[in-house]
N, C-alpha and C. Protein backbone atom coordinates (compact mmCIF):
# COMPACT_ATOMS: atom_id res chain seq x y z
N UNK A 1 -7.73 -16.83 5.54
CA UNK A 1 -8.97 -17.26 5.77
C UNK A 1 -9.13 -18.27 6.82
N UNK A 2 -10.29 -18.06 7.67
CA UNK A 2 -10.52 -18.65 8.89
C UNK A 2 -11.56 -19.80 8.59
N UNK A 3 -11.43 -21.10 8.84
CA UNK A 3 -12.38 -22.09 8.46
C UNK A 3 -12.60 -22.93 9.73
N UNK A 4 -14.12 -23.07 10.13
CA UNK A 4 -14.35 -23.78 11.36
C UNK A 4 -14.41 -25.28 10.85
N UNK A 5 -13.62 -26.33 11.17
CA UNK A 5 -13.51 -27.86 10.85
C UNK A 5 -14.33 -28.56 11.75
N UNK A 6 -15.02 -29.72 11.27
CA UNK A 6 -15.74 -30.56 12.26
C UNK A 6 -14.70 -31.28 13.09
N UNK A 7 -14.97 -31.17 14.40
CA UNK A 7 -13.90 -31.86 15.17
C UNK A 7 -15.05 -32.42 16.58
N UNK A 8 -15.05 -33.52 16.69
CA UNK A 8 -16.21 -34.05 17.55
C UNK A 8 -15.87 -33.60 19.10
N UNK A 9 -14.23 -33.67 19.37
CA UNK A 9 -14.07 -33.39 20.76
C UNK A 9 -13.88 -31.85 20.94
N UNK A 10 -14.25 -30.97 20.44
CA UNK A 10 -14.14 -29.70 20.52
C UNK A 10 -14.35 -28.57 19.53
N UNK A 11 -13.05 -27.80 19.24
CA UNK A 11 -13.25 -26.79 18.15
C UNK A 11 -12.03 -26.74 17.35
N UNK A 12 -12.11 -26.67 16.14
CA UNK A 12 -10.83 -26.81 15.26
C UNK A 12 -10.91 -25.98 14.22
N UNK A 13 -9.97 -24.99 14.10
CA UNK A 13 -9.98 -23.81 13.15
C UNK A 13 -8.67 -23.85 12.35
N UNK A 14 -8.97 -23.80 10.83
CA UNK A 14 -7.90 -23.87 9.97
C UNK A 14 -7.75 -22.67 9.50
N UNK A 15 -6.48 -21.97 9.64
CA UNK A 15 -6.05 -20.51 9.18
C UNK A 15 -5.09 -20.85 7.80
N UNK A 16 -5.56 -20.20 7.01
CA UNK A 16 -4.78 -20.25 5.52
C UNK A 16 -4.80 -18.83 5.02
N UNK A 17 -3.48 -18.51 4.58
CA UNK A 17 -3.51 -17.01 3.81
C UNK A 17 -4.57 -17.11 2.60
N UNK A 18 -5.11 -16.15 1.99
CA UNK A 18 -5.86 -15.80 1.06
C UNK A 18 -5.04 -15.87 -0.37
N UNK A 19 -5.49 -16.56 -1.12
CA UNK A 19 -4.67 -16.95 -2.60
C UNK A 19 -5.65 -16.51 -3.59
N UNK A 20 -4.96 -15.66 -4.27
CA UNK A 20 -5.81 -15.04 -5.58
C UNK A 20 -5.99 -16.04 -6.64
N UNK A 21 -4.76 -16.85 -6.88
CA UNK A 21 -4.88 -18.00 -7.92
C UNK A 21 -4.25 -19.09 -7.33
N UNK A 22 -4.78 -20.38 -8.06
CA UNK A 22 -4.19 -21.51 -7.70
C UNK A 22 -3.20 -21.78 -8.39
N UNK A 23 -1.95 -22.80 -8.16
CA UNK A 23 -0.91 -23.01 -8.84
C UNK A 23 -1.04 -23.26 -10.59
N UNK A 24 -2.04 -23.93 -10.81
CA UNK A 24 -2.50 -23.91 -12.16
C UNK A 24 -2.74 -22.79 -12.85
N UNK A 25 -3.60 -21.81 -12.01
CA UNK A 25 -3.81 -20.53 -12.39
C UNK A 25 -2.48 -19.64 -12.66
N UNK A 26 -1.30 -19.76 -11.83
CA UNK A 26 -0.15 -19.03 -11.74
C UNK A 26 0.56 -19.69 -12.80
N UNK A 27 0.49 -20.77 -13.30
CA UNK A 27 1.25 -21.34 -14.55
C UNK A 27 0.65 -20.79 -15.93
N UNK A 28 -0.77 -20.74 -15.78
CA UNK A 28 -1.21 -20.21 -17.22
C UNK A 28 -0.93 -18.69 -17.24
N UNK A 29 -0.78 -17.86 -16.03
CA UNK A 29 -0.40 -16.66 -16.05
C UNK A 29 0.90 -16.48 -16.76
N UNK A 30 1.65 -17.31 -16.19
CA UNK A 30 3.19 -17.15 -16.65
C UNK A 30 3.27 -17.46 -18.14
N UNK A 31 2.74 -18.53 -18.54
CA UNK A 31 2.45 -19.05 -19.78
C UNK A 31 2.06 -18.05 -20.94
N UNK A 32 1.06 -17.29 -20.55
CA UNK A 32 0.42 -15.99 -21.27
C UNK A 32 1.65 -14.93 -21.46
N UNK A 33 2.32 -14.49 -20.03
CA UNK A 33 3.18 -13.57 -20.11
C UNK A 33 4.53 -14.27 -20.87
N UNK A 34 4.94 -15.42 -20.90
CA UNK A 34 6.00 -15.87 -21.75
C UNK A 34 5.88 -15.51 -23.05
N UNK A 35 4.60 -15.97 -23.54
CA UNK A 35 4.18 -15.95 -25.00
C UNK A 35 4.18 -14.34 -25.43
N UNK A 36 3.58 -13.55 -24.65
CA UNK A 36 3.66 -12.11 -24.84
C UNK A 36 5.08 -11.76 -25.11
N UNK A 37 5.86 -11.85 -23.85
CA UNK A 37 7.19 -11.56 -24.02
C UNK A 37 8.00 -12.00 -25.14
N UNK A 38 7.75 -13.52 -25.59
CA UNK A 38 8.57 -13.79 -26.77
C UNK A 38 8.16 -13.31 -28.19
N UNK A 39 6.97 -12.74 -28.32
CA UNK A 39 6.42 -12.14 -29.52
C UNK A 39 6.93 -10.94 -29.36
N UNK A 40 7.08 -10.14 -28.45
CA UNK A 40 7.47 -8.87 -28.43
C UNK A 40 9.22 -8.72 -28.66
N UNK A 41 9.90 -9.53 -28.01
CA UNK A 41 11.13 -9.69 -28.20
C UNK A 41 11.63 -10.34 -29.35
N UNK A 42 10.64 -11.28 -30.05
CA UNK A 42 11.17 -11.78 -31.58
C UNK A 42 11.08 -10.70 -32.38
N UNK A 43 9.96 -9.83 -32.34
CA UNK A 43 9.59 -8.63 -33.24
C UNK A 43 11.07 -7.56 -33.14
N UNK A 44 11.50 -7.26 -31.76
CA UNK A 44 12.67 -6.64 -31.83
C UNK A 44 13.80 -7.08 -32.31
N UNK A 45 13.95 -8.47 -32.04
CA UNK A 45 15.32 -9.03 -32.56
C UNK A 45 15.21 -9.15 -34.05
N UNK A 46 14.10 -9.55 -34.81
CA UNK A 46 14.05 -9.37 -36.32
C UNK A 46 14.41 -7.99 -36.93
N UNK A 47 14.02 -6.77 -36.00
CA UNK A 47 14.31 -5.28 -36.58
C UNK A 47 15.83 -5.22 -36.39
N UNK A 48 16.48 -5.90 -35.47
CA UNK A 48 18.15 -5.83 -35.44
C UNK A 48 18.30 -5.61 -33.86
N UNK A 49 17.32 -5.51 -33.07
CA UNK A 49 17.74 -5.41 -31.72
C UNK A 49 17.71 -6.60 -30.73
N UNK A 50 18.60 -7.63 -31.31
CA UNK A 50 18.65 -8.76 -30.73
C UNK A 50 19.04 -8.75 -29.41
N UNK A 51 19.64 -7.63 -28.62
CA UNK A 51 20.15 -8.02 -27.38
C UNK A 51 18.97 -7.97 -26.45
N UNK A 52 17.96 -7.49 -27.02
CA UNK A 52 16.83 -7.85 -25.86
C UNK A 52 16.27 -9.06 -25.48
N UNK A 53 16.88 -10.20 -26.12
CA UNK A 53 16.24 -11.27 -26.06
C UNK A 53 16.80 -12.25 -24.77
N UNK A 54 18.27 -11.82 -24.43
CA UNK A 54 18.74 -12.13 -22.97
C UNK A 54 17.81 -11.45 -21.82
N UNK A 55 17.59 -10.25 -22.06
CA UNK A 55 16.97 -9.64 -21.15
C UNK A 55 15.47 -10.11 -20.92
N UNK A 56 14.95 -10.31 -22.06
CA UNK A 56 13.34 -10.91 -21.70
C UNK A 56 13.53 -12.13 -21.26
N UNK A 57 14.55 -13.02 -21.49
CA UNK A 57 14.63 -14.16 -20.74
C UNK A 57 14.70 -14.10 -19.17
N UNK A 58 15.69 -13.19 -18.74
CA UNK A 58 16.09 -12.69 -17.43
C UNK A 58 14.91 -12.42 -16.78
N UNK A 59 14.14 -11.62 -17.36
CA UNK A 59 12.86 -10.86 -17.02
C UNK A 59 11.73 -12.00 -16.38
N UNK A 60 11.66 -13.05 -17.37
CA UNK A 60 10.64 -14.00 -17.41
C UNK A 60 11.41 -14.90 -16.04
N UNK A 61 12.69 -15.20 -16.08
CA UNK A 61 12.95 -16.23 -15.10
C UNK A 61 12.99 -15.15 -13.59
N UNK A 62 12.88 -14.02 -13.48
CA UNK A 62 12.51 -13.28 -12.50
C UNK A 62 11.18 -13.30 -11.75
N UNK A 63 10.31 -13.29 -13.05
CA UNK A 63 9.02 -13.28 -12.53
C UNK A 63 8.50 -14.65 -11.91
N UNK A 64 9.12 -15.85 -12.84
CA UNK A 64 8.75 -17.08 -12.51
C UNK A 64 9.27 -17.25 -11.02
N UNK A 65 10.35 -16.84 -10.66
CA UNK A 65 10.76 -16.94 -9.39
C UNK A 65 10.10 -16.42 -8.22
N UNK A 66 9.52 -15.06 -8.55
CA UNK A 66 8.59 -14.41 -7.84
C UNK A 66 7.40 -15.27 -7.42
N UNK A 67 6.63 -15.58 -8.69
CA UNK A 67 5.36 -16.37 -8.75
C UNK A 67 5.54 -17.56 -7.90
N UNK A 68 6.62 -18.39 -8.10
CA UNK A 68 7.18 -19.70 -7.25
C UNK A 68 7.04 -19.37 -5.80
N UNK A 69 7.67 -18.41 -5.45
CA UNK A 69 8.09 -17.73 -4.03
C UNK A 69 6.48 -17.53 -3.25
N UNK A 70 6.24 -16.50 -4.00
CA UNK A 70 4.73 -16.24 -3.41
C UNK A 70 3.53 -17.29 -3.37
N UNK A 71 3.63 -18.23 -4.30
CA UNK A 71 2.81 -19.30 -4.31
C UNK A 71 3.15 -20.18 -3.36
N UNK A 72 4.22 -20.62 -3.18
CA UNK A 72 4.95 -21.53 -1.73
C UNK A 72 4.52 -20.97 -0.71
N UNK A 73 4.85 -19.53 -0.37
CA UNK A 73 4.17 -19.07 0.86
C UNK A 73 2.91 -19.02 1.12
N UNK A 74 2.12 -19.07 0.19
CA UNK A 74 0.55 -19.18 0.51
C UNK A 74 0.20 -20.23 0.90
N UNK A 75 0.95 -21.39 0.73
CA UNK A 75 0.59 -22.89 1.11
C UNK A 75 0.62 -23.11 2.40
N UNK A 76 0.99 -21.95 3.46
CA UNK A 76 1.25 -22.30 4.87
C UNK A 76 -0.13 -22.40 5.24
N UNK A 77 -0.31 -23.29 6.40
CA UNK A 77 -1.75 -23.52 7.15
C UNK A 77 -1.28 -23.79 8.50
N UNK A 78 -2.18 -23.25 9.36
CA UNK A 78 -2.14 -23.26 10.81
C UNK A 78 -3.27 -23.95 11.16
N UNK A 79 -3.43 -24.96 12.11
CA UNK A 79 -4.68 -25.64 12.60
C UNK A 79 -4.57 -25.43 14.20
N UNK A 80 -5.73 -24.70 14.60
CA UNK A 80 -5.80 -24.58 16.15
C UNK A 80 -6.94 -25.31 16.63
N UNK A 81 -6.52 -26.14 17.47
CA UNK A 81 -7.69 -27.06 17.85
C UNK A 81 -7.73 -27.05 19.42
N UNK A 82 -9.02 -26.88 19.92
CA UNK A 82 -9.28 -26.65 21.26
C UNK A 82 -10.07 -27.81 21.74
N UNK A 83 -9.67 -28.50 22.67
CA UNK A 83 -10.53 -29.67 23.31
C UNK A 83 -10.15 -29.88 24.63
N UNK A 84 -11.29 -29.98 25.68
CA UNK A 84 -11.18 -30.13 26.59
C UNK A 84 -10.20 -28.88 27.46
N UNK A 85 -9.24 -29.40 28.09
CA UNK A 85 -8.31 -28.41 28.98
C UNK A 85 -7.09 -27.97 28.00
N UNK A 86 -6.83 -28.52 26.88
CA UNK A 86 -5.77 -28.12 26.02
C UNK A 86 -6.07 -27.50 24.84
N UNK A 87 -5.08 -26.63 24.06
CA UNK A 87 -4.92 -26.07 22.83
C UNK A 87 -3.65 -26.59 22.28
N UNK A 88 -3.77 -27.05 20.96
CA UNK A 88 -2.91 -27.54 20.15
C UNK A 88 -2.93 -26.55 18.95
N UNK A 89 -1.46 -26.09 18.63
CA UNK A 89 -1.53 -25.46 17.47
C UNK A 89 -0.38 -26.00 16.74
N UNK A 90 -0.84 -26.35 15.40
CA UNK A 90 -0.10 -27.01 14.46
C UNK A 90 0.17 -25.99 13.26
N UNK A 91 1.57 -25.89 12.54
CA UNK A 91 1.82 -25.21 11.51
C UNK A 91 2.53 -26.15 10.68
N UNK A 92 2.38 -25.87 9.24
CA UNK A 92 3.17 -26.19 8.27
C UNK A 92 2.58 -26.00 7.12
N UNK A 93 3.24 -26.69 5.87
CA UNK A 93 2.57 -26.46 4.29
C UNK A 93 2.23 -27.59 4.08
N UNK A 94 2.99 -28.46 3.66
CA UNK A 94 2.18 -29.92 3.13
C UNK A 94 1.97 -30.84 4.30
N UNK A 95 3.00 -30.70 5.02
CA UNK A 95 2.77 -31.46 6.57
C UNK A 95 3.10 -30.69 7.61
N UNK A 96 2.95 -31.12 8.59
CA UNK A 96 3.04 -30.59 10.07
C UNK A 96 4.50 -30.28 10.34
N UNK A 97 5.19 -29.13 10.37
CA UNK A 97 6.41 -28.84 10.80
C UNK A 97 6.55 -28.27 12.23
N UNK A 98 5.71 -27.88 12.84
CA UNK A 98 5.85 -27.51 14.13
C UNK A 98 4.40 -27.58 14.80
N UNK A 99 4.28 -28.14 16.38
CA UNK A 99 3.30 -28.27 16.98
C UNK A 99 3.40 -27.87 18.48
N UNK A 100 2.68 -27.04 18.91
CA UNK A 100 2.46 -26.96 20.33
C UNK A 100 1.25 -27.31 21.16
N UNK A 101 1.65 -27.88 22.45
CA UNK A 101 0.34 -28.22 23.05
C UNK A 101 0.36 -27.54 24.42
N UNK A 102 -0.88 -26.63 24.60
CA UNK A 102 -0.68 -25.80 25.86
C UNK A 102 -1.90 -26.15 26.79
N UNK A 103 -1.77 -26.03 28.12
CA UNK A 103 -2.88 -26.01 28.69
C UNK A 103 -3.74 -24.71 28.75
N UNK A 104 -5.16 -25.08 28.31
CA UNK A 104 -5.95 -23.67 28.25
C UNK A 104 -6.12 -22.79 29.39
N UNK A 105 -6.33 -23.51 30.53
CA UNK A 105 -6.51 -22.56 31.83
C UNK A 105 -5.32 -21.62 32.23
N UNK A 106 -4.08 -22.04 31.60
CA UNK A 106 -2.59 -21.14 31.83
C UNK A 106 -2.43 -20.46 30.80
N UNK A 107 -3.11 -20.64 29.62
CA UNK A 107 -2.72 -19.83 28.21
C UNK A 107 -3.79 -18.70 27.74
N UNK A 108 -3.15 -17.62 27.65
CA UNK A 108 -4.20 -16.55 27.29
C UNK A 108 -3.68 -15.87 25.90
N UNK A 109 -4.76 -15.11 25.04
CA UNK A 109 -4.18 -14.51 24.28
C UNK A 109 -3.77 -13.17 24.15
N UNK A 110 -2.60 -12.77 23.46
CA UNK A 110 -2.04 -11.41 23.44
C UNK A 110 -2.46 -10.81 21.98
N UNK A 111 -2.90 -9.65 22.09
CA UNK A 111 -2.88 -8.76 20.75
C UNK A 111 -2.27 -7.62 20.61
N UNK A 112 -1.26 -7.47 19.67
CA UNK A 112 -0.58 -6.47 19.48
C UNK A 112 -1.39 -5.53 18.38
N UNK A 113 -1.74 -4.53 18.51
CA UNK A 113 -2.86 -4.00 17.83
C UNK A 113 -1.69 -3.08 16.82
N UNK A 114 -2.40 -2.87 15.49
CA UNK A 114 -1.53 -2.24 14.40
C UNK A 114 -1.44 -0.92 14.54
N UNK A 115 -0.34 -0.61 13.89
CA UNK A 115 0.50 0.83 14.29
C UNK A 115 -0.53 1.75 13.29
N UNK A 116 -1.07 1.37 12.42
CA UNK A 116 -1.84 1.63 11.36
C UNK A 116 -3.16 1.10 11.02
N UNK A 117 -4.11 1.74 10.37
CA UNK A 117 -5.46 0.96 10.02
C UNK A 117 -5.32 0.13 8.89
N UNK A 118 -4.15 0.04 8.03
CA UNK A 118 -4.19 -1.11 6.95
C UNK A 118 -3.45 -2.09 7.25
N UNK A 119 -2.65 -2.11 8.51
CA UNK A 119 -2.19 -3.52 8.87
C UNK A 119 -3.01 -4.28 9.81
N UNK A 120 -2.80 -5.36 9.80
CA UNK A 120 -3.55 -6.56 10.64
C UNK A 120 -2.88 -6.42 12.04
N UNK A 121 -3.77 -6.88 12.94
CA UNK A 121 -3.02 -6.93 14.39
C UNK A 121 -2.40 -8.01 14.44
N UNK A 122 -1.52 -8.34 15.30
CA UNK A 122 -0.77 -9.58 15.68
C UNK A 122 -1.09 -10.13 16.83
N UNK A 123 -1.70 -11.40 16.74
CA UNK A 123 -2.13 -12.31 17.70
C UNK A 123 -1.08 -13.47 18.18
N UNK A 124 -0.82 -13.48 19.52
CA UNK A 124 0.00 -14.53 20.11
C UNK A 124 -0.97 -15.35 21.30
N UNK A 125 -0.50 -16.61 21.11
CA UNK A 125 -0.60 -17.48 22.54
C UNK A 125 0.38 -17.15 23.50
N UNK A 126 0.07 -17.09 24.83
CA UNK A 126 1.09 -16.73 25.50
C UNK A 126 0.69 -17.55 26.69
N UNK A 127 1.96 -18.50 26.98
CA UNK A 127 2.22 -19.35 28.07
C UNK A 127 3.33 -19.39 29.03
N UNK A 128 3.23 -18.78 30.04
CA UNK A 128 4.50 -18.76 31.04
C UNK A 128 5.40 -17.74 29.89
N UNK A 129 6.73 -18.30 29.16
CA UNK A 129 7.71 -17.59 28.72
C UNK A 129 7.42 -17.66 27.00
N UNK A 130 6.38 -18.37 26.78
CA UNK A 130 6.41 -18.60 25.21
C UNK A 130 5.21 -17.75 24.62
N UNK A 131 5.80 -17.09 23.61
CA UNK A 131 4.93 -16.28 22.80
C UNK A 131 4.74 -16.92 21.54
N UNK A 132 3.79 -17.31 20.97
CA UNK A 132 3.50 -18.25 19.78
C UNK A 132 2.52 -17.42 18.81
N UNK A 133 3.01 -17.05 17.95
CA UNK A 133 2.17 -16.37 16.93
C UNK A 133 1.34 -17.21 16.16
N UNK A 134 -0.10 -16.50 15.89
CA UNK A 134 -1.08 -17.40 15.60
C UNK A 134 -1.70 -16.56 14.36
N UNK A 135 -1.78 -16.99 13.18
CA UNK A 135 -2.17 -16.32 11.86
C UNK A 135 -1.62 -15.09 11.57
N UNK A 136 -0.43 -15.20 11.50
CA UNK A 136 0.45 -14.03 10.94
C UNK A 136 0.37 -13.51 9.74
N UNK A 137 -0.33 -14.42 9.07
CA UNK A 137 -0.58 -13.94 7.49
C UNK A 137 -1.84 -13.82 7.27
N UNK A 138 -2.90 -13.67 8.26
CA UNK A 138 -4.28 -13.01 7.96
C UNK A 138 -4.16 -11.51 7.70
N UNK A 139 -4.96 -11.27 6.94
CA UNK A 139 -5.56 -9.84 6.72
C UNK A 139 -6.12 -9.20 7.89
N UNK A 140 -6.81 -7.84 7.72
CA UNK A 140 -7.49 -7.36 8.71
C UNK A 140 -8.92 -8.20 9.04
N UNK A 141 -9.53 -8.23 7.98
CA UNK A 141 -10.87 -8.83 8.27
C UNK A 141 -10.68 -10.32 8.89
N UNK A 142 -9.74 -11.14 8.29
CA UNK A 142 -9.55 -12.56 8.72
C UNK A 142 -9.06 -12.61 10.03
N UNK A 143 -8.06 -11.55 10.63
CA UNK A 143 -7.73 -11.36 11.90
C UNK A 143 -9.19 -11.11 13.06
N UNK A 144 -9.81 -10.13 12.35
CA UNK A 144 -11.16 -9.98 13.11
C UNK A 144 -12.09 -10.96 13.30
N UNK A 145 -12.05 -11.87 12.28
CA UNK A 145 -12.81 -13.13 12.43
C UNK A 145 -12.47 -13.96 13.44
N UNK A 146 -10.80 -14.18 13.58
CA UNK A 146 -10.35 -14.91 14.40
C UNK A 146 -10.56 -14.42 15.80
N UNK A 147 -10.43 -13.11 16.02
CA UNK A 147 -10.45 -12.59 17.29
C UNK A 147 -11.97 -13.08 17.64
N UNK A 148 -13.01 -12.85 16.97
CA UNK A 148 -14.62 -12.93 17.51
C UNK A 148 -14.79 -14.43 17.67
N UNK A 149 -14.12 -15.34 16.92
CA UNK A 149 -14.41 -16.54 17.09
C UNK A 149 -13.91 -17.00 18.46
N UNK A 150 -12.60 -16.66 18.74
CA UNK A 150 -12.04 -16.97 19.94
C UNK A 150 -12.60 -16.25 21.28
N UNK A 151 -12.96 -15.34 21.25
CA UNK A 151 -13.99 -14.56 22.14
C UNK A 151 -14.89 -15.30 22.44
N UNK A 152 -15.80 -15.67 21.53
CA UNK A 152 -16.86 -16.69 21.41
C UNK A 152 -16.57 -17.87 22.32
N UNK A 153 -15.12 -18.43 22.23
CA UNK A 153 -14.96 -19.60 22.79
C UNK A 153 -14.67 -19.25 24.28
N UNK A 154 -14.75 -18.19 24.59
CA UNK A 154 -14.43 -17.91 26.11
C UNK A 154 -12.76 -17.43 26.61
N UNK A 155 -12.30 -17.14 25.44
CA UNK A 155 -10.73 -16.58 25.76
C UNK A 155 -10.79 -15.08 26.03
N UNK A 156 -10.12 -14.71 26.79
CA UNK A 156 -9.81 -13.43 27.23
C UNK A 156 -8.45 -12.86 26.54
N UNK A 157 -8.81 -11.54 25.97
CA UNK A 157 -7.53 -11.02 25.05
C UNK A 157 -6.93 -9.86 25.67
N UNK A 158 -5.86 -9.62 25.90
CA UNK A 158 -5.01 -8.67 26.62
C UNK A 158 -4.29 -7.65 25.06
N UNK A 159 -4.96 -6.74 25.29
CA UNK A 159 -4.36 -5.83 24.08
C UNK A 159 -3.38 -5.09 24.42
N UNK A 160 -2.52 -4.94 23.41
CA UNK A 160 -1.14 -4.02 23.62
C UNK A 160 -1.30 -2.86 22.66
N UNK A 161 -1.40 -1.71 22.67
CA UNK A 161 -1.24 -0.62 21.63
C UNK A 161 0.06 -0.39 21.64
N UNK A 162 0.52 0.07 20.36
CA UNK A 162 1.68 0.38 20.02
C UNK A 162 1.87 1.81 20.31
N UNK A 163 3.24 2.11 20.94
CA UNK A 163 3.56 3.33 21.55
C UNK A 163 3.58 4.36 20.05
N UNK A 164 3.85 5.64 20.28
CA UNK A 164 3.81 6.47 19.28
C UNK A 164 5.17 6.54 18.64
N UNK A 165 5.35 6.44 17.39
CA UNK A 165 6.56 6.50 16.71
C UNK A 165 6.58 7.81 15.52
N UNK A 166 7.55 8.14 15.08
CA UNK A 166 7.81 9.18 14.46
C UNK A 166 8.60 8.51 13.10
N UNK A 167 7.89 8.17 12.03
CA UNK A 167 8.63 7.64 11.12
C UNK A 167 8.04 8.23 9.81
N UNK A 168 8.92 7.92 8.73
CA UNK A 168 8.76 8.83 7.51
C UNK A 168 7.39 7.97 6.50
N UNK A 169 7.75 6.48 6.95
CA UNK A 169 6.79 5.58 6.09
C UNK A 169 6.09 4.80 7.11
N UNK A 170 5.10 3.95 6.64
CA UNK A 170 4.24 3.17 7.74
C UNK A 170 5.25 2.15 8.20
């Protein structure tokens, strides 16, 4: 998701991945799945197939680990601030983990177009020998919205098309 934030000295964009559920929603889903699995596993255990109980527990642990990992990964944020002659990119989850400050007149955008229509293009800030990924978690529509916003701010975009590849899968 691309959001424009109020910033008195310039433009500030908040980039976040799309989240289908909040953490509380994920916990509710896991609780409902646990209840359903417990009912089914208990029924089979009462019939005599008690060996299903450890496998139901292992399955729930795997689903909980997947939900936790995905939910944690969806907490990433990037803040792109353009004020005056500087561009500042901050990345992190709960707090800032990395920050770059680049001169605007020496920095340009590079766009690696997607190899197929379902994948988003990859956008990079390029300054001298530095290539910094911007919004790598954005989907196709959000990447286009970010590109349109940056074009409106006067950035030029260098497009790179992928070469032809012969592959079995995308």
